[in-house]
């Protein structure tokens, strides 16, 4: 390896939006992430919508009055 061309590899603190913190190694000292393994639905098994731009609400509003929603409501009422 050539000398003086590689970045310094130091301990890094990773901070998630949920408040979880852990230590790893990186070229940066502090890393901020929006989602981690402690709050990601794949790892937790809980369904959670993470939406910062309103896309989920827009989708729900768009398809709220669709025929699919009406059929689901009728099926639920029939039971």
N, C-alpha and C. Protein backbone atom coordinates (compact mmCIF):
# COMPACT_ATOMS: atom_id res chain seq x y z
N UNK A 1 0.83 -1.18 0.00
CA UNK A 1 0.00 0.00 0.00
C UNK A 1 0.87 1.25 0.00
N UNK A 2 0.44 2.24 -0.73
CA UNK A 2 1.18 3.49 -0.77
C UNK A 2 0.94 4.27 0.50
N UNK A 3 1.93 5.01 0.93
CA UNK A 3 1.82 5.80 2.15
C UNK A 3 1.14 7.14 1.86
N UNK A 4 0.42 7.63 2.87
CA UNK A 4 -0.19 8.97 2.87
C UNK A 4 -1.27 9.20 1.82
N UNK A 5 -1.90 8.14 1.30
CA UNK A 5 -3.00 8.36 0.36
C UNK A 5 -4.32 7.81 0.89
N UNK A 6 -4.28 7.00 1.95
CA UNK A 6 -5.47 6.38 2.49
C UNK A 6 -6.04 7.21 3.63
N UNK A 7 -7.37 7.30 3.75
CA UNK A 7 -7.96 8.05 4.86
C UNK A 7 -7.75 7.32 6.18
N UNK A 8 -7.84 8.08 7.25
CA UNK A 8 -7.68 7.50 8.59
C UNK A 8 -8.92 6.70 8.96
N UNK A 9 -8.72 5.50 9.47
CA UNK A 9 -9.81 4.58 9.83
C UNK A 9 -9.95 4.62 11.34
N UNK A 10 -11.06 5.23 11.83
CA UNK A 10 -11.23 5.47 13.27
C UNK A 10 -12.53 4.85 13.76
N UNK A 11 -12.72 4.83 15.09
CA UNK A 11 -13.98 4.38 15.67
C UNK A 11 -15.05 5.42 15.35
N UNK A 12 -16.23 4.94 14.96
CA UNK A 12 -17.32 5.83 14.59
C UNK A 12 -18.55 5.53 15.43
N UNK A 13 -19.26 6.57 15.83
CA UNK A 13 -20.51 6.42 16.55
C UNK A 13 -21.65 6.62 15.56
N UNK A 14 -22.50 5.60 15.44
CA UNK A 14 -23.65 5.67 14.54
C UNK A 14 -24.88 5.97 15.39
N UNK A 15 -25.61 7.03 15.02
CA UNK A 15 -26.81 7.44 15.74
C UNK A 15 -28.01 7.33 14.80
N UNK A 16 -29.03 6.61 15.26
CA UNK A 16 -30.23 6.43 14.45
C UNK A 16 -31.29 7.46 14.86
N UNK A 17 -32.27 7.66 14.01
CA UNK A 17 -33.38 8.56 14.31
C UNK A 17 -34.22 8.09 15.48
N UNK A 18 -34.20 6.77 15.76
CA UNK A 18 -34.98 6.24 16.88
C UNK A 18 -34.26 6.40 18.21
N UNK A 19 -33.00 6.85 18.17
CA UNK A 19 -32.24 7.05 19.40
C UNK A 19 -31.22 5.97 19.67
N UNK A 20 -31.22 4.92 18.89
CA UNK A 20 -30.26 3.83 19.06
C UNK A 20 -28.86 4.30 18.65
N UNK A 21 -27.86 3.94 19.44
CA UNK A 21 -26.47 4.29 19.13
C UNK A 21 -25.63 3.04 19.22
N UNK A 22 -24.65 2.94 18.32
CA UNK A 22 -23.68 1.85 18.39
C UNK A 22 -22.36 2.33 17.80
N UNK A 23 -21.31 1.59 18.10
CA UNK A 23 -19.96 1.97 17.69
C UNK A 23 -19.46 0.98 16.64
N UNK A 24 -18.86 1.50 15.60
CA UNK A 24 -18.24 0.70 14.55
C UNK A 24 -16.99 1.43 14.09
N UNK A 25 -16.43 1.03 12.99
CA UNK A 25 -15.24 1.72 12.48
C UNK A 25 -15.54 2.27 11.09
N UNK A 26 -15.04 3.47 10.83
CA UNK A 26 -15.28 4.13 9.56
C UNK A 26 -14.25 5.23 9.37
N UNK A 27 -14.32 5.89 8.23
CA UNK A 27 -13.44 7.03 7.99
C UNK A 27 -14.05 8.31 8.56
N UNK A 28 -15.30 8.25 9.01
CA UNK A 28 -15.95 9.38 9.65
C UNK A 28 -16.17 9.07 11.12
N UNK A 29 -16.12 10.09 11.98
CA UNK A 29 -16.27 9.86 13.42
C UNK A 29 -17.72 9.73 13.86
N UNK A 30 -18.62 10.46 13.21
CA UNK A 30 -20.04 10.44 13.57
C UNK A 30 -20.87 10.19 12.32
N UNK A 31 -21.80 9.24 12.42
CA UNK A 31 -22.68 8.92 11.31
C UNK A 31 -24.12 8.97 11.82
N UNK A 32 -24.99 9.68 11.11
CA UNK A 32 -26.41 9.79 11.47
C UNK A 32 -27.23 9.07 10.40
N UNK A 33 -28.08 8.14 10.83
CA UNK A 33 -28.94 7.40 9.90
C UNK A 33 -30.40 7.56 10.31
N UNK A 34 -31.31 7.38 9.36
CA UNK A 34 -32.73 7.51 9.65
C UNK A 34 -33.32 6.24 10.23
N UNK A 35 -32.76 5.09 9.87
CA UNK A 35 -33.34 3.82 10.29
C UNK A 35 -32.21 2.81 10.50
N UNK A 36 -32.37 1.98 11.52
CA UNK A 36 -31.34 0.99 11.84
C UNK A 36 -31.99 -0.37 12.06
N UNK A 37 -31.21 -1.35 12.43
CA UNK A 37 -31.76 -2.69 12.64
C UNK A 37 -32.66 -2.77 13.86
N UNK A 38 -32.56 -1.81 14.78
CA UNK A 38 -33.42 -1.82 15.97
C UNK A 38 -34.83 -1.31 15.67
N UNK A 39 -34.99 -0.54 14.59
CA UNK A 39 -36.32 0.00 14.29
C UNK A 39 -36.82 -0.38 12.89
N UNK A 40 -36.04 -1.09 12.10
CA UNK A 40 -36.45 -1.48 10.75
C UNK A 40 -37.48 -2.61 10.82
N UNK A 41 -38.58 -2.51 10.07
CA UNK A 41 -39.63 -3.53 10.13
C UNK A 41 -39.16 -4.93 9.78
N UNK A 42 -38.16 -5.07 8.92
CA UNK A 42 -37.66 -6.39 8.55
C UNK A 42 -37.08 -7.11 9.76
N UNK A 43 -36.38 -6.39 10.62
CA UNK A 43 -35.74 -7.00 11.78
C UNK A 43 -36.67 -7.08 12.99
N UNK A 44 -37.59 -6.12 13.12
CA UNK A 44 -38.46 -6.10 14.30
C UNK A 44 -39.73 -6.91 14.11
N UNK A 45 -40.16 -7.10 12.86
CA UNK A 45 -41.38 -7.83 12.59
C UNK A 45 -42.63 -6.99 12.77
N UNK A 46 -42.49 -5.72 13.05
CA UNK A 46 -43.62 -4.81 13.22
C UNK A 46 -43.74 -3.92 11.99
N UNK A 47 -44.97 -3.75 11.52
CA UNK A 47 -45.21 -2.88 10.38
C UNK A 47 -45.23 -1.45 10.86
N UNK A 48 -44.39 -0.64 10.25
CA UNK A 48 -44.28 0.76 10.66
C UNK A 48 -44.04 1.59 9.41
N UNK A 49 -44.85 2.59 9.19
CA UNK A 49 -44.66 3.45 8.04
C UNK A 49 -43.67 4.55 8.41
N UNK A 50 -42.61 4.64 7.65
CA UNK A 50 -41.64 5.71 7.84
C UNK A 50 -41.73 6.59 6.61
N UNK A 51 -42.30 7.74 6.79
CA UNK A 51 -42.60 8.60 5.66
C UNK A 51 -42.25 10.03 6.01
N UNK A 52 -41.37 10.62 5.23
CA UNK A 52 -40.97 11.99 5.52
C UNK A 52 -41.58 12.99 4.55
N UNK A 53 -42.13 12.51 3.43
CA UNK A 53 -42.65 13.45 2.44
C UNK A 53 -44.14 13.31 2.21
N UNK A 54 -44.84 12.51 3.01
CA UNK A 54 -46.29 12.40 2.88
C UNK A 54 -46.76 11.44 1.81
N UNK A 55 -45.89 10.57 1.32
CA UNK A 55 -46.27 9.66 0.25
C UNK A 55 -47.29 8.62 0.71
N UNK A 56 -47.17 8.16 1.95
CA UNK A 56 -48.11 7.15 2.45
C UNK A 56 -49.50 7.73 2.54
N UNK A 57 -49.64 8.92 3.11
CA UNK A 57 -50.94 9.56 3.22
C UNK A 57 -51.53 9.85 1.84
N UNK A 58 -50.69 10.27 0.91
CA UNK A 58 -51.15 10.54 -0.45
C UNK A 58 -51.69 9.26 -1.10
N UNK A 59 -50.99 8.16 -0.91
CA UNK A 59 -51.43 6.87 -1.47
C UNK A 59 -52.75 6.43 -0.83
N UNK A 60 -52.83 6.54 0.49
CA UNK A 60 -54.05 6.12 1.18
C UNK A 60 -55.24 6.99 0.76
N UNK A 61 -55.03 8.28 0.63
CA UNK A 61 -56.10 9.18 0.22
C UNK A 61 -56.55 8.87 -1.21
N UNK A 62 -55.60 8.57 -2.08
CA UNK A 62 -55.90 8.29 -3.48
C UNK A 62 -56.76 7.04 -3.63
N UNK A 63 -56.45 6.01 -2.87
CA UNK A 63 -57.15 4.73 -3.03
C UNK A 63 -58.19 4.47 -1.95
N UNK A 64 -58.49 5.45 -1.15
CA UNK A 64 -59.48 5.29 -0.08
C UNK A 64 -60.87 5.04 -0.66
N UNK A 65 -61.24 5.73 -1.70
CA UNK A 65 -62.57 5.61 -2.28
C UNK A 65 -62.60 4.70 -3.51
N UNK A 66 -61.58 3.92 -3.70
CA UNK A 66 -61.54 3.05 -4.86
C UNK A 66 -62.47 1.86 -4.68
N UNK A 67 -62.67 1.14 -5.73
CA UNK A 67 -63.55 -0.03 -5.67
C UNK A 67 -62.95 -1.11 -4.77
N UNK A 68 -61.63 -1.19 -4.70
CA UNK A 68 -60.99 -2.17 -3.83
C UNK A 68 -61.35 -1.92 -2.37
N UNK A 69 -61.30 -0.66 -1.95
CA UNK A 69 -61.64 -0.32 -0.57
C UNK A 69 -63.12 -0.61 -0.30
N UNK A 70 -63.98 -0.35 -1.28
CA UNK A 70 -65.41 -0.63 -1.11
C UNK A 70 -65.66 -2.12 -0.98
N UNK A 71 -64.95 -2.93 -1.76
CA UNK A 71 -65.11 -4.39 -1.69
C UNK A 71 -64.63 -4.92 -0.34
N UNK A 72 -63.53 -4.38 0.16
CA UNK A 72 -63.02 -4.81 1.47
C UNK A 72 -64.01 -4.47 2.57
N UNK A 73 -64.62 -3.28 2.46
CA UNK A 73 -65.58 -2.87 3.48
C UNK A 73 -66.82 -3.75 3.44
N UNK A 74 -67.28 -4.09 2.25
CA UNK A 74 -68.45 -4.96 2.11
C UNK A 74 -68.14 -6.35 2.66
N UNK A 75 -66.96 -6.86 2.41
CA UNK A 75 -66.56 -8.17 2.91
C UNK A 75 -66.49 -8.16 4.43
N UNK A 76 -66.00 -7.08 5.00
CA UNK A 76 -65.91 -6.97 6.45
C UNK A 76 -67.30 -6.86 7.07
N UNK A 77 -68.20 -6.13 6.42
CA UNK A 77 -69.57 -6.00 6.92
C UNK A 77 -70.34 -7.31 6.82
N UNK A 78 -70.02 -8.12 5.81
CA UNK A 78 -70.71 -9.40 5.62
C UNK A 78 -70.34 -10.40 6.71
N UNK A 79 -69.16 -10.29 7.25
CA UNK A 79 -68.72 -11.21 8.30
C UNK A 79 -69.38 -10.84 9.56
